[in-house]
């Protein structure tokens, strides 16, 4: 695999690390050639046949290693690669017919190379042809023992398995590219939405500021009082525009309880901490957006502390209503932060105070660390919803 986790099967190595990794795998599965080497060193062939065998073996290895490590077109194997593959097939036939059935193992590498280089439908056909060739040559050479079955099995199953692995690698690359495209589209959509929102917020205000600036410029020589009024209007409009922009940006950045609960579940699972979120329902219609944002920040800080500092094995999150307040409770069985009120918790207390909430931290009675964050709920006035008062309000 390369640095991104992508399998390098079917592609030439691009870095030294990829080259070393592929070399290690190559050395492992080149051990099948031990049968051919043993045949050459057995002394049963004439010197000329032995020399031919060594030359043929070197030529086969050269072509095979070129297919593994040599350059290739960016859009896939080219004519040169397919020509070398065809040459390896012909050379394998020649070596088997000349030196005997021990050289059938060369066709295993031809089968695997076909699976790597060819599209799936053509690879399946090529593997079938190579398997039939192994069977036919084995029978012609009188090999009817288990050795022929082993080579035939390695040829067919090895080629089929490599086809599946190559297809999986291609699918992984396609999924990675599709995910990157989706992320890019989402980012573009977010930029467009932000541009639309800022246009809606600032378009009218900036146009009004421009118009009043022009009016003030024309009034300055003769009517300074009216020009001063226009400048005052410009200040008022610009201040309101600044408030609108700040509210918009705050809305973009404000976390939600639902999103933070999902993030907490993922973070705790990644840290090996058992998460109990069964009492952390997010449906609270009386919760103001600012209060929800403050609770979401509190949840994020508590989970971060549990993951980084607590050494806990279990973390429990609950959201309960207590009178006119909503209370977030996060407890774990770890040791808690070393300092009761670090920078994160201090900033969290200030954030909750801005939403009229409060923060309480300390040791849990059962052991571990506990965080309470409370924010007020905005209840509707029951009298305003009383149907008996409807005629009176209408009058």
Protein backbone atom coordinates (compact mmCIF):
# COMPACT_ATOMS: atom_id res chain seq x y z
CA UNK A 1 0.00 0.00 0.00
CA UNK A 2 1.07 3.60 -0.51
CA UNK A 3 1.06 6.40 2.07
CA UNK A 4 -2.65 7.04 1.55
CA UNK A 5 -3.56 3.41 2.17
CA UNK A 6 -4.18 2.71 -1.52
CA UNK A 7 -2.98 -0.65 -2.86
CA UNK A 8 -0.21 -0.39 -5.43
CA UNK A 9 -1.29 -3.53 -7.31
CA UNK A 10 -1.40 -2.83 -11.02
CA UNK A 11 0.63 0.38 -10.73
CA UNK A 12 4.34 1.07 -10.82
CA UNK A 13 5.89 2.26 -7.51
CA UNK A 14 6.40 6.00 -7.31
CA UNK A 15 8.44 6.35 -4.11
CA UNK A 16 11.27 4.46 -2.45
CA UNK A 17 8.93 3.18 0.23
CA UNK A 18 6.52 1.81 -2.36
CA UNK A 19 9.44 0.21 -4.23
CA UNK A 20 10.70 -1.55 -1.09
CA UNK A 21 7.23 -2.77 -0.13
CA UNK A 22 6.56 -4.15 -3.59
CA UNK A 23 10.00 -5.77 -3.70
CA UNK A 24 9.31 -7.65 -0.46
CA UNK A 25 6.04 -9.03 -1.81
CA UNK A 26 7.72 -9.94 -5.11
CA UNK A 27 10.45 -11.93 -3.38
CA UNK A 28 7.80 -13.86 -1.43
CA UNK A 29 5.79 -15.07 -4.38
CA UNK A 30 8.80 -15.68 -6.62
CA UNK A 31 9.47 -18.74 -4.46
CA UNK A 32 7.38 -20.79 -6.92
CA UNK A 33 10.38 -20.65 -9.25
CA UNK A 34 12.23 -23.01 -6.94
CA UNK A 35 10.85 -25.89 -9.00
CA UNK A 36 12.39 -24.54 -12.18
CA UNK A 37 15.73 -23.85 -10.47
CA UNK A 38 15.74 -27.33 -8.91
CA UNK A 39 15.12 -28.80 -12.37
CA UNK A 40 18.09 -26.92 -13.84
CA UNK A 41 20.43 -27.95 -11.00
CA UNK A 42 19.34 -31.59 -10.99
CA UNK A 43 21.84 -32.49 -13.75
CA UNK A 44 19.29 -34.39 -15.83
CA UNK A 45 19.51 -32.01 -18.77
CA UNK A 46 22.25 -31.71 -21.35
CA UNK A 47 24.57 -28.70 -20.99
CA UNK A 48 22.94 -26.97 -23.97
CA UNK A 49 19.46 -27.51 -22.53
CA UNK A 50 20.61 -26.30 -19.12
CA UNK A 51 22.11 -23.15 -20.65
CA UNK A 52 18.90 -22.58 -22.59
CA UNK A 53 16.93 -23.01 -19.37
CA UNK A 54 18.98 -20.42 -17.49
CA UNK A 55 18.72 -17.94 -20.36
CA UNK A 56 14.98 -18.52 -20.65
CA UNK A 57 14.51 -18.10 -16.90
CA UNK A 58 16.48 -14.84 -16.89
CA UNK A 59 14.47 -13.54 -19.86
CA UNK A 60 11.18 -14.47 -18.12
CA UNK A 61 12.22 -12.76 -14.89
CA UNK A 62 13.31 -9.65 -16.79
CA UNK A 63 9.98 -9.32 -18.55
CA UNK A 64 7.99 -10.11 -15.42
CA UNK A 65 9.87 -7.61 -13.26
CA UNK A 66 9.45 -4.97 -15.95
CA UNK A 67 5.70 -5.47 -15.77
CA UNK A 68 5.87 -4.98 -12.01
CA UNK A 69 8.25 -2.05 -11.72
CA UNK A 70 8.51 -0.50 -15.17
CA UNK A 71 6.82 2.74 -16.22
CA UNK A 72 3.41 2.60 -17.82
CA UNK A 73 0.89 5.07 -19.26
CA UNK A 74 -1.21 7.01 -16.76
CA UNK A 75 -4.46 5.64 -18.20
CA UNK A 76 -3.41 1.99 -17.75
CA UNK A 77 -1.23 -0.63 -19.41
CA UNK A 78 -0.21 0.07 -22.99
CA UNK A 79 0.78 -2.01 -26.00
CA UNK A 80 4.27 -2.60 -24.65
CA UNK A 81 2.94 -4.21 -21.47
CA UNK A 82 0.55 -6.47 -23.38
CA UNK A 83 3.30 -7.42 -25.83
CA UNK A 84 5.57 -8.42 -22.94
CA UNK A 85 2.72 -10.42 -21.37
CA UNK A 86 2.17 -12.28 -24.65
CA UNK A 87 5.93 -12.90 -24.85
CA UNK A 88 5.95 -14.36 -21.33
CA UNK A 89 3.13 -16.71 -22.30
CA UNK A 90 4.93 -17.92 -25.43
CA UNK A 91 8.23 -18.27 -23.52
CA UNK A 92 6.48 -20.32 -20.85
CA UNK A 93 5.07 -22.68 -23.48
CA UNK A 94 8.51 -23.07 -25.05
CA UNK A 95 10.21 -23.77 -21.72
CA UNK A 96 7.62 -26.38 -20.69
CA UNK A 97 7.73 -28.18 -24.03
CA UNK A 98 11.55 -28.11 -24.02
CA UNK A 99 12.46 -28.82 -20.39
CA UNK A 100 9.42 -30.55 -18.93
CA UNK A 101 6.53 -30.13 -16.52
CA UNK A 102 8.60 -28.51 -13.74
CA UNK A 103 8.35 -25.28 -15.71
CA UNK A 104 4.56 -25.14 -15.54
CA UNK A 105 4.95 -22.77 -12.59
CA UNK A 106 5.88 -20.01 -15.05
CA UNK A 107 2.28 -19.96 -16.20
CA UNK A 108 1.15 -19.09 -12.65
CA UNK A 109 2.91 -15.73 -13.07
CA UNK A 110 1.36 -15.28 -16.51
CA UNK A 111 -2.09 -15.82 -14.98
CA UNK A 112 -1.47 -13.32 -12.19
CA UNK A 113 -0.02 -10.75 -14.62
CA UNK A 114 -3.09 -11.12 -16.82
CA UNK A 115 -5.33 -10.40 -13.83
CA UNK A 116 -3.34 -7.26 -13.01
CA UNK A 117 -3.04 -5.81 -16.51
CA UNK A 118 -6.34 -6.67 -18.18
CA UNK A 119 -9.91 -5.49 -17.56
CA UNK A 120 -11.97 -7.94 -15.53
CA UNK A 121 -13.87 -9.56 -18.39
CA UNK A 122 -10.69 -10.11 -20.42
CA UNK A 123 -8.72 -11.19 -17.35
CA UNK A 124 -11.24 -13.96 -16.62
CA UNK A 125 -10.89 -15.28 -20.16
CA UNK A 126 -7.11 -15.07 -20.08
CA UNK A 127 -6.96 -16.95 -16.76
CA UNK A 128 -9.20 -19.67 -18.20
CA UNK A 129 -6.94 -19.99 -21.27
CA UNK A 130 -3.80 -20.16 -19.12
CA UNK A 131 -5.42 -22.74 -16.84
CA UNK A 132 -6.40 -24.88 -19.83
CA UNK A 133 -2.83 -24.55 -21.10
CA UNK A 134 -1.44 -25.78 -17.78
CA UNK A 135 -3.77 -28.78 -17.83
CA UNK A 136 -3.00 -29.67 -21.44
CA UNK A 137 0.77 -29.32 -21.10
CA UNK A 138 0.75 -31.23 -17.81
CA UNK A 139 -1.10 -34.14 -19.40
CA UNK A 140 1.20 -34.09 -22.45
CA UNK A 141 4.22 -34.31 -20.15
CA UNK A 142 2.66 -37.20 -18.25
CA UNK A 143 2.10 -35.23 -15.05
CA UNK A 144 -0.98 -36.82 -13.49
CA UNK A 145 0.04 -36.58 -9.83
CA UNK A 146 -0.83 -33.98 -7.20
CA UNK A 147 1.85 -31.62 -8.54
CA UNK A 148 -0.23 -30.84 -11.63
CA UNK A 149 -3.29 -30.23 -9.45
CA UNK A 150 -1.33 -27.83 -7.25
CA UNK A 151 -0.03 -25.82 -10.20
CA UNK A 152 -3.45 -25.78 -11.86
CA UNK A 153 -5.09 -24.62 -8.62
CA UNK A 154 -2.47 -21.89 -8.12
CA UNK A 155 -2.97 -20.72 -11.71
CA UNK A 156 -6.75 -20.48 -11.58
CA UNK A 157 -7.30 -19.45 -7.97
CA UNK A 158 -4.28 -17.13 -7.88
CA UNK A 159 -5.44 -15.36 -11.01
CA UNK A 160 -9.02 -15.17 -9.77
CA UNK A 161 -7.97 -13.82 -6.36
CA UNK A 162 -5.70 -11.24 -7.98
CA UNK A 163 -8.57 -10.16 -10.24
CA UNK A 164 -10.75 -9.58 -7.19
CA UNK A 165 -7.98 -7.68 -5.39
CA UNK A 166 -7.29 -5.48 -8.40
CA UNK A 167 -10.98 -4.74 -8.83
CA UNK A 168 -11.24 -3.87 -5.13
CA UNK A 169 -8.31 -1.50 -5.49
CA UNK A 170 -9.92 0.18 -8.48
CA UNK A 171 -13.19 0.50 -6.57
CA UNK A 172 -11.36 2.04 -3.60
CA UNK A 173 -9.70 4.60 -5.86
CA UNK A 174 -13.01 5.43 -7.52
CA UNK A 175 -14.71 5.82 -4.12
CA UNK A 176 -11.87 8.05 -2.90
CA UNK A 177 -12.16 10.21 -6.00
CA UNK A 178 -15.95 10.34 -5.66
CA UNK A 179 -15.66 11.33 -1.99
CA UNK A 180 -13.20 14.08 -2.89
CA UNK A 181 -15.57 15.31 -5.60
CA UNK A 182 -18.51 15.31 -3.17
CA UNK A 183 -16.45 17.23 -0.61
CA UNK A 184 -15.48 19.76 -3.26
CA UNK A 185 -19.10 20.17 -4.34
CA UNK A 186 -20.18 20.59 -0.72
CA UNK A 187 -17.51 23.24 -0.18
CA UNK A 188 -18.59 25.05 -3.34
CA UNK A 189 -22.23 24.88 -2.25
CA UNK A 190 -21.31 26.25 1.18
CA UNK A 191 -19.38 29.11 -0.43
CA UNK A 192 -22.35 29.89 -2.66
CA UNK A 193 -24.70 29.83 0.33
CA UNK A 194 -22.41 32.11 2.29
CA UNK A 195 -22.16 34.46 -0.68
CA UNK A 196 -25.96 34.53 -1.02
CA UNK A 197 -26.44 35.19 2.69
CA UNK A 198 -23.86 37.95 2.77
CA UNK A 199 -25.37 39.49 -0.35
CA UNK A 200 -28.80 39.45 1.24
CA UNK A 201 -27.41 40.91 4.46
CA UNK A 202 -25.13 43.57 2.98
CA UNK A 203 -26.50 44.35 -0.45
CA UNK A 204 -29.24 46.67 0.70
CA UNK A 205 -27.17 48.19 3.52
CA UNK A 206 -24.16 48.97 1.33
CA UNK A 207 -26.37 50.41 -1.39
CA UNK A 208 -28.05 52.66 1.18
CA UNK A 209 -24.69 53.73 2.61
CA UNK A 210 -23.43 54.59 -0.88
CA UNK A 211 -26.55 56.62 -1.67
CA UNK A 212 -26.45 58.56 1.61
CA UNK A 213 -22.71 59.19 1.21
CA UNK A 214 -23.38 60.77 -2.18
CA UNK A 215 -26.19 62.88 -0.71
CA UNK A 216 -23.98 64.00 2.18
CA UNK A 217 -21.25 64.97 -0.26
CA UNK A 218 -23.61 67.14 -2.24
CA UNK A 219 -25.09 68.76 0.90
CA UNK A 220 -21.83 69.60 2.65
CA UNK A 221 -21.12 73.03 1.11
CA UNK A 222 -24.59 74.55 1.57
CA UNK A 223 -26.59 72.36 3.99
CA UNK A 224 -24.29 71.02 6.70
CA UNK A 225 -27.15 70.16 9.07
CA UNK A 226 -28.80 67.85 6.54
CA UNK A 227 -25.38 66.40 5.63
CA UNK A 228 -24.79 65.65 9.31
CA UNK A 229 -28.14 63.84 9.40
CA UNK A 230 -27.10 61.73 6.40
CA UNK A 231 -23.79 60.88 8.12
CA UNK A 232 -25.72 59.84 11.23
CA UNK A 233 -27.93 57.59 9.08
CA UNK A 234 -24.80 56.10 7.49
CA UNK A 235 -23.42 55.28 10.95
CA UNK A 236 -26.70 53.68 12.00
CA UNK A 237 -26.99 51.55 8.85
CA UNK A 238 -23.34 50.45 9.04
CA UNK A 239 -23.69 49.45 12.70
CA UNK A 240 -26.78 47.39 11.88
CA UNK A 241 -24.97 45.76 8.98
CA UNK A 242 -22.09 44.86 11.30
CA UNK A 243 -24.55 43.30 13.77
CA UNK A 244 -26.17 41.29 10.97
CA UNK A 245 -22.80 39.99 9.77
CA UNK A 246 -21.78 38.99 13.27
CA UNK A 247 -25.05 37.14 13.81
CA UNK A 248 -24.66 35.38 10.49
CA UNK A 249 -21.09 34.29 11.23
CA UNK A 250 -22.10 33.18 14.72
CA UNK A 251 -24.89 31.12 13.19
CA UNK A 252 -22.45 29.45 10.80
CA UNK A 253 -20.05 28.58 13.62
CA UNK A 254 -22.55 27.66 16.32
CA UNK A 255 -22.45 23.91 17.06
CA UNK A 256 -25.61 21.90 17.68
CA UNK A 257 -26.32 19.26 20.29
CA UNK A 258 -27.21 16.68 17.66
CA UNK A 259 -23.94 17.19 15.81
CA UNK A 260 -21.84 17.20 18.99
CA UNK A 261 -23.51 14.02 20.25
CA UNK A 262 -22.62 12.27 17.01
CA UNK A 263 -19.07 13.59 17.29
CA UNK A 264 -18.87 12.48 20.93
CA UNK A 265 -19.96 8.97 20.04
CA UNK A 266 -17.26 8.74 17.37
CA UNK A 267 -14.50 10.27 19.53
CA UNK A 268 -15.23 8.05 22.54
CA UNK A 269 -15.36 4.92 20.39
CA UNK A 270 -12.05 5.82 18.75
CA UNK A 271 -10.47 6.23 22.22
CA UNK A 272 -11.80 2.86 23.39
CA UNK A 273 -14.21 4.44 25.90
CA UNK A 274 -17.67 2.94 26.28
CA UNK A 275 -20.23 5.68 25.61
CA UNK A 276 -23.67 5.72 27.25
CA UNK A 277 -25.83 8.25 25.37
CA UNK A 278 -29.21 6.67 26.01
CA UNK A 279 -30.40 9.66 28.07
CA UNK A 280 -29.10 12.32 25.72
CA UNK A 281 -32.17 13.19 23.66
CA UNK A 282 -31.89 16.36 21.56
CA UNK A 283 -35.57 17.29 21.11
CA UNK A 284 -35.95 20.43 23.27
CA UNK A 285 -38.15 23.00 21.50
CA UNK A 286 -37.84 25.51 24.37
CA UNK A 287 -34.06 25.68 24.03
CA UNK A 288 -32.79 28.95 22.57
CA UNK A 289 -30.11 28.74 19.82
CA UNK A 290 -27.50 30.51 21.97
CA UNK A 291 -28.19 28.17 24.88
CA UNK A 292 -27.99 25.13 22.63
CA UNK A 293 -24.65 26.37 21.28
CA UNK A 294 -23.32 26.81 24.82
CA UNK A 295 -24.38 23.26 25.79
CA UNK A 296 -22.85 21.90 22.59
CA UNK A 297 -19.53 23.58 23.45
CA UNK A 298 -19.77 22.14 26.97
CA UNK A 299 -20.31 18.65 25.60
CA UNK A 300 -17.38 19.02 23.23
CA UNK A 301 -15.06 20.21 26.03
CA UNK A 302 -16.16 17.44 28.40
CA UNK A 303 -15.65 14.71 25.83
CA UNK A 304 -12.29 16.16 24.82
CA UNK A 305 -11.15 16.09 28.46
CA UNK A 306 -12.39 12.52 28.85
CA UNK A 307 -10.51 11.38 25.78
CA UNK A 308 -7.26 13.25 26.40
CA UNK A 309 -6.80 13.43 30.16
CA UNK A 310 -9.11 11.11 32.08
CA UNK A 311 -7.90 7.62 31.25
CA UNK A 312 -11.54 6.61 31.58
CA UNK A 313 -13.13 3.40 30.36
CA UNK A 314 -16.74 4.61 30.44
CA UNK A 315 -18.42 7.95 29.80
CA UNK A 316 -22.09 8.79 30.33
CA UNK A 317 -23.93 11.76 28.81
CA UNK A 318 -27.43 12.83 29.79
CA UNK A 319 -29.73 15.77 29.07
CA UNK A 320 -32.50 16.34 31.62
CA UNK A 321 -35.01 19.13 32.25
CA UNK A 322 -35.07 20.51 35.78
CA UNK A 323 -37.74 23.17 36.19
CA UNK A 324 -37.00 25.93 33.72
CA UNK A 325 -33.50 24.67 33.05
CA UNK A 326 -31.94 22.08 30.81
CA UNK A 327 -29.02 20.29 32.42
CA UNK A 328 -26.19 18.53 30.58
CA UNK A 329 -24.33 15.98 32.69
CA UNK A 330 -21.15 14.27 31.55
CA UNK A 331 -19.53 11.76 33.90
CA UNK A 332 -16.63 9.37 33.45
CA UNK A 333 -14.78 6.88 35.63
CA UNK A 334 -11.35 8.43 35.02
CA UNK A 335 -9.16 10.73 37.06
CA UNK A 336 -10.36 14.01 35.48
CA UNK A 337 -8.32 17.10 34.63
CA UNK A 338 -5.29 17.82 36.81
CA UNK A 339 -6.49 21.40 37.34
CA UNK A 340 -10.19 21.82 38.25
CA UNK A 341 -10.52 24.98 36.22
CA UNK A 342 -8.14 24.97 33.29
CA UNK A 343 -8.29 27.32 30.35
CA UNK A 344 -10.89 25.19 28.57
CA UNK A 345 -13.27 24.98 31.52
CA UNK A 346 -12.78 28.66 32.34
CA UNK A 347 -13.68 29.67 28.81
CA UNK A 348 -16.61 27.27 28.90
CA UNK A 349 -17.95 28.88 32.10
CA UNK A 350 -17.73 32.29 30.45
CA UNK A 351 -19.54 31.03 27.36
CA UNK A 352 -22.34 29.56 29.48
CA UNK A 353 -22.61 32.80 31.46
CA UNK A 354 -23.30 34.68 28.22
CA UNK A 355 -26.29 32.37 27.69
CA UNK A 356 -27.48 32.90 31.32
CA UNK A 357 -26.21 29.45 32.22
CA UNK A 358 -23.70 28.11 34.70
CA UNK A 359 -21.07 25.40 34.98
CA UNK A 360 -20.34 22.98 37.82
CA UNK A 361 -17.45 20.51 37.83
CA UNK A 362 -15.99 18.14 40.38
CA UNK A 363 -15.51 14.56 41.46
CA UNK A 364 -18.42 12.23 40.94
CA UNK A 365 -19.68 10.42 44.10
CA UNK A 366 -19.17 7.11 42.29
CA UNK A 367 -15.61 8.05 41.35
CA UNK A 368 -14.33 9.83 38.29
CA UNK A 369 -15.10 13.31 37.00
CA UNK A 370 -18.47 15.02 36.54
CA UNK A 371 -19.51 18.12 34.59
CA UNK A 372 -22.86 19.88 34.94
CA UNK A 373 -23.83 22.60 32.45
CA UNK A 374 -27.18 24.34 32.93
CA UNK A 375 -28.97 26.77 30.61
CA UNK A 376 -32.45 28.30 30.89
CA UNK A 377 -35.38 27.14 28.80
CA UNK A 378 -37.62 29.72 27.13
CA UNK A 379 -41.13 28.66 28.16
CA UNK A 380 -44.15 30.07 26.41
CA UNK A 381 -46.54 32.09 28.62
CA UNK A 382 -49.50 29.79 29.42
CA UNK A 383 -51.84 32.75 29.69
CA UNK A 384 -50.96 33.80 26.19
CA UNK A 385 -52.00 30.36 24.96
CA UNK A 386 -55.26 30.13 26.94
CA UNK A 387 -58.17 29.79 24.48
CA UNK A 388 -60.50 31.55 26.91
CA UNK A 389 -58.54 34.76 26.45
CA UNK A 390 -58.77 34.69 22.66
CA UNK A 391 -61.93 36.89 22.37
CA UNK A 392 -60.45 39.41 24.78
CA UNK A 393 -57.20 39.58 22.81
CA UNK A 394 -59.13 39.94 19.56
CA UNK A 395 -61.11 42.87 20.95
